[in-house]
Amino acid sequence: MEEFINNFADQFDETERTEFNIDTKFKDLDEWDSMIALSIIAMVDEEYDVTINGDHIKNANTLKDLYDLINS
């Protein structure tokens, strides 16, 4: 879980790592945009060998939602 949070946080340039935890509503972060969404999709594919798409991100609200999706 902690590794996933760190990998997720690494996709952000300006948001402090302390802003990220399992309950973070990532789409509410000021830096969140479509480019970061694409970076998350690529990171998940590269780090976890799991394919997710925009609909998966659209339907997720928190980091836990994404983590559970990747580990299902």
N, C-alpha and C. Protein backbone atom coordinates (compact mmCIF):
# COMPACT_ATOMS: atom_id res chain seq x y z
N MET A 1 0.81 -1.19 0.00
CA MET A 1 0.00 0.00 0.00
C MET A 1 0.87 1.27 0.00
N GLU A 2 1.87 1.29 0.87
CA GLU A 2 2.75 2.47 0.97
C GLU A 2 3.51 2.69 -0.34
N GLU A 3 3.94 1.60 -0.96
CA GLU A 3 4.63 1.70 -2.25
C GLU A 3 3.72 2.31 -3.30
N PHE A 4 2.47 1.88 -3.32
CA PHE A 4 1.50 2.43 -4.28
C PHE A 4 1.31 3.93 -4.05
N ILE A 5 1.15 4.32 -2.80
CA ILE A 5 0.97 5.75 -2.49
C ILE A 5 2.19 6.55 -2.93
N ASN A 6 3.38 6.03 -2.68
CA ASN A 6 4.60 6.73 -3.11
C ASN A 6 4.68 6.83 -4.63
N ASN A 7 4.37 5.74 -5.33
CA ASN A 7 4.39 5.77 -6.79
C ASN A 7 3.36 6.75 -7.33
N PHE A 8 2.20 6.79 -6.71
CA PHE A 8 1.16 7.73 -7.11
C PHE A 8 1.64 9.16 -6.89
N ALA A 9 2.17 9.43 -5.71
CA ALA A 9 2.64 10.78 -5.37
C ALA A 9 3.76 11.25 -6.28
N ASP A 10 4.57 10.31 -6.76
CA ASP A 10 5.68 10.66 -7.66
C ASP A 10 5.20 11.27 -8.97
N GLN A 11 3.95 11.10 -9.31
CA GLN A 11 3.42 11.65 -10.57
C GLN A 11 3.11 13.14 -10.45
N PHE A 12 3.18 13.66 -9.25
CA PHE A 12 2.85 15.06 -8.99
C PHE A 12 4.14 15.84 -8.72
N ASP A 13 4.25 17.02 -9.32
CA ASP A 13 5.44 17.84 -9.16
C ASP A 13 5.32 18.83 -8.00
N GLU A 14 4.13 19.35 -7.77
CA GLU A 14 3.97 20.46 -6.83
C GLU A 14 3.25 20.08 -5.54
N THR A 15 2.59 18.94 -5.52
CA THR A 15 1.83 18.54 -4.34
C THR A 15 2.75 17.80 -3.37
N GLU A 16 2.74 18.23 -2.12
CA GLU A 16 3.59 17.63 -1.09
C GLU A 16 3.20 16.17 -0.85
N ARG A 17 4.20 15.35 -0.60
CA ARG A 17 3.97 13.92 -0.35
C ARG A 17 3.02 13.72 0.84
N THR A 18 3.05 14.62 1.80
CA THR A 18 2.20 14.49 2.98
C THR A 18 0.71 14.61 2.65
N GLU A 19 0.38 15.11 1.48
CA GLU A 19 -1.01 15.23 1.06
C GLU A 19 -1.61 13.88 0.66
N PHE A 20 -0.76 12.88 0.47
CA PHE A 20 -1.21 11.59 -0.05
C PHE A 20 -1.33 10.55 1.05
N ASN A 21 -2.52 9.98 1.16
CA ASN A 21 -2.75 8.83 2.03
C ASN A 21 -3.85 8.00 1.40
N ILE A 22 -4.19 6.91 2.00
CA ILE A 22 -5.14 5.97 1.40
C ILE A 22 -6.52 6.59 1.19
N ASP A 23 -6.86 7.61 1.97
CA ASP A 23 -8.17 8.25 1.86
C ASP A 23 -8.16 9.52 1.00
N THR A 24 -7.02 9.85 0.41
CA THR A 24 -6.91 11.05 -0.42
C THR A 24 -7.88 10.98 -1.60
N LYS A 25 -8.67 12.02 -1.74
CA LYS A 25 -9.55 12.16 -2.91
C LYS A 25 -8.72 12.88 -3.97
N PHE A 26 -8.03 12.06 -4.76
CA PHE A 26 -7.00 12.59 -5.66
C PHE A 26 -7.52 13.58 -6.68
N LYS A 27 -8.76 13.46 -7.10
CA LYS A 27 -9.30 14.40 -8.10
C LYS A 27 -9.57 15.78 -7.50
N ASP A 28 -9.54 15.88 -6.18
CA ASP A 28 -9.71 17.17 -5.51
C ASP A 28 -8.40 17.94 -5.35
N LEU A 29 -7.29 17.30 -5.65
CA LEU A 29 -5.99 17.97 -5.55
C LEU A 29 -5.87 19.04 -6.62
N ASP A 30 -5.31 20.19 -6.26
CA ASP A 30 -5.19 21.31 -7.19
C ASP A 30 -4.42 20.94 -8.46
N GLU A 31 -3.45 20.08 -8.32
CA GLU A 31 -2.58 19.73 -9.45
C GLU A 31 -3.20 18.68 -10.38
N TRP A 32 -4.27 18.03 -9.96
CA TRP A 32 -4.88 16.96 -10.75
C TRP A 32 -5.36 17.49 -12.10
N ASP A 33 -4.98 16.79 -13.17
CA ASP A 33 -5.48 17.11 -14.50
C ASP A 33 -5.37 15.87 -15.38
N SER A 34 -5.76 15.99 -16.62
CA SER A 34 -5.79 14.83 -17.52
C SER A 34 -4.39 14.28 -17.80
N MET A 35 -3.39 15.13 -17.77
CA MET A 35 -2.03 14.64 -18.00
C MET A 35 -1.55 13.77 -16.85
N ILE A 36 -1.89 14.13 -15.64
CA ILE A 36 -1.53 13.30 -14.49
C ILE A 36 -2.32 12.00 -14.54
N ALA A 37 -3.57 12.07 -14.97
CA ALA A 37 -4.36 10.84 -15.12
C ALA A 37 -3.66 9.87 -16.08
N LEU A 38 -3.16 10.38 -17.18
CA LEU A 38 -2.42 9.53 -18.13
C LEU A 38 -1.14 8.99 -17.50
N SER A 39 -0.47 9.81 -16.70
CA SER A 39 0.73 9.35 -16.00
C SER A 39 0.41 8.23 -15.02
N ILE A 40 -0.73 8.33 -14.36
CA ILE A 40 -1.15 7.29 -13.41
C ILE A 40 -1.42 5.99 -14.17
N ILE A 41 -2.13 6.09 -15.29
CA ILE A 41 -2.41 4.90 -16.11
C ILE A 41 -1.11 4.23 -16.53
N ALA A 42 -0.14 5.02 -16.99
CA ALA A 42 1.16 4.48 -17.41
C ALA A 42 1.92 3.89 -16.24
N MET A 43 1.91 4.56 -15.10
CA MET A 43 2.61 4.06 -13.91
C MET A 43 2.04 2.72 -13.47
N VAL A 44 0.72 2.61 -13.45
CA VAL A 44 0.09 1.35 -13.02
C VAL A 44 0.47 0.22 -13.97
N ASP A 45 0.48 0.51 -15.25
CA ASP A 45 0.87 -0.50 -16.23
C ASP A 45 2.32 -0.93 -16.04
N GLU A 46 3.19 0.04 -15.86
CA GLU A 46 4.63 -0.24 -15.73
C GLU A 46 4.98 -0.91 -14.41
N GLU A 47 4.47 -0.39 -13.32
CA GLU A 47 4.86 -0.87 -11.99
C GLU A 47 4.11 -2.12 -11.54
N TYR A 48 2.86 -2.26 -11.99
CA TYR A 48 2.01 -3.34 -11.47
C TYR A 48 1.52 -4.30 -12.55
N ASP A 49 1.87 -4.00 -13.81
CA ASP A 49 1.47 -4.84 -14.94
C ASP A 49 -0.04 -5.04 -14.97
N VAL A 50 -0.76 -3.96 -14.67
CA VAL A 50 -2.22 -3.95 -14.69
C VAL A 50 -2.66 -2.83 -15.62
N THR A 51 -3.63 -3.12 -16.47
CA THR A 51 -4.13 -2.11 -17.39
C THR A 51 -5.39 -1.48 -16.82
N ILE A 52 -5.34 -0.17 -16.65
CA ILE A 52 -6.53 0.58 -16.27
C ILE A 52 -6.76 1.63 -17.33
N ASN A 53 -7.96 2.20 -17.34
CA ASN A 53 -8.27 3.22 -18.33
C ASN A 53 -8.94 4.42 -17.66
N GLY A 54 -9.33 5.36 -18.47
CA GLY A 54 -9.94 6.57 -17.94
C GLY A 54 -11.21 6.31 -17.16
N ASP A 55 -11.98 5.32 -17.58
CA ASP A 55 -13.21 5.00 -16.84
C ASP A 55 -12.91 4.51 -15.43
N HIS A 56 -11.84 3.73 -15.29
CA HIS A 56 -11.45 3.27 -13.96
C HIS A 56 -11.12 4.46 -13.06
N ILE A 57 -10.38 5.40 -13.60
CA ILE A 57 -10.01 6.58 -12.82
C ILE A 57 -11.25 7.43 -12.54
N LYS A 58 -12.10 7.56 -13.53
CA LYS A 58 -13.33 8.35 -13.36
C LYS A 58 -14.20 7.77 -12.25
N ASN A 59 -14.24 6.46 -12.13
CA ASN A 59 -15.09 5.80 -11.14
C ASN A 59 -14.45 5.69 -9.76
N ALA A 60 -13.17 5.97 -9.67
CA ALA A 60 -12.47 5.92 -8.38
C ALA A 60 -12.54 7.30 -7.72
N ASN A 61 -12.62 7.29 -6.40
CA ASN A 61 -12.65 8.55 -5.67
C ASN A 61 -11.40 8.75 -4.81
N THR A 62 -10.90 7.66 -4.26
CA THR A 62 -9.75 7.75 -3.35
C THR A 62 -8.62 6.87 -3.85
N LEU A 63 -7.46 7.04 -3.25
CA LEU A 63 -6.34 6.17 -3.59
C LEU A 63 -6.66 4.72 -3.25
N LYS A 64 -7.43 4.50 -2.20
CA LYS A 64 -7.82 3.13 -1.85
C LYS A 64 -8.65 2.50 -2.96
N ASP A 65 -9.53 3.27 -3.58
CA ASP A 65 -10.32 2.75 -4.70
C ASP A 65 -9.41 2.25 -5.82
N LEU A 66 -8.40 3.04 -6.17
CA LEU A 66 -7.46 2.62 -7.21
C LEU A 66 -6.62 1.44 -6.77
N TYR A 67 -6.15 1.48 -5.55
CA TYR A 67 -5.35 0.38 -5.01
C TYR A 67 -6.14 -0.93 -5.06
N ASP A 68 -7.39 -0.89 -4.64
CA ASP A 68 -8.22 -2.09 -4.65
C ASP A 68 -8.44 -2.58 -6.08
N LEU A 69 -8.61 -1.68 -7.01
CA LEU A 69 -8.79 -2.05 -8.41
C LEU A 69 -7.55 -2.77 -8.94
N ILE A 70 -6.40 -2.24 -8.63
CA ILE A 70 -5.14 -2.81 -9.12
C ILE A 70 -4.88 -4.18 -8.49
N ASN A 71 -5.32 -4.36 -7.28
CA ASN A 71 -5.05 -5.61 -6.57
C ASN A 71 -6.22 -6.59 -6.58
N SER A 72 -7.18 -6.35 -7.46
CA SER A 72 -8.32 -7.28 -7.51
C SER A 72 -8.08 -8.43 -8.47
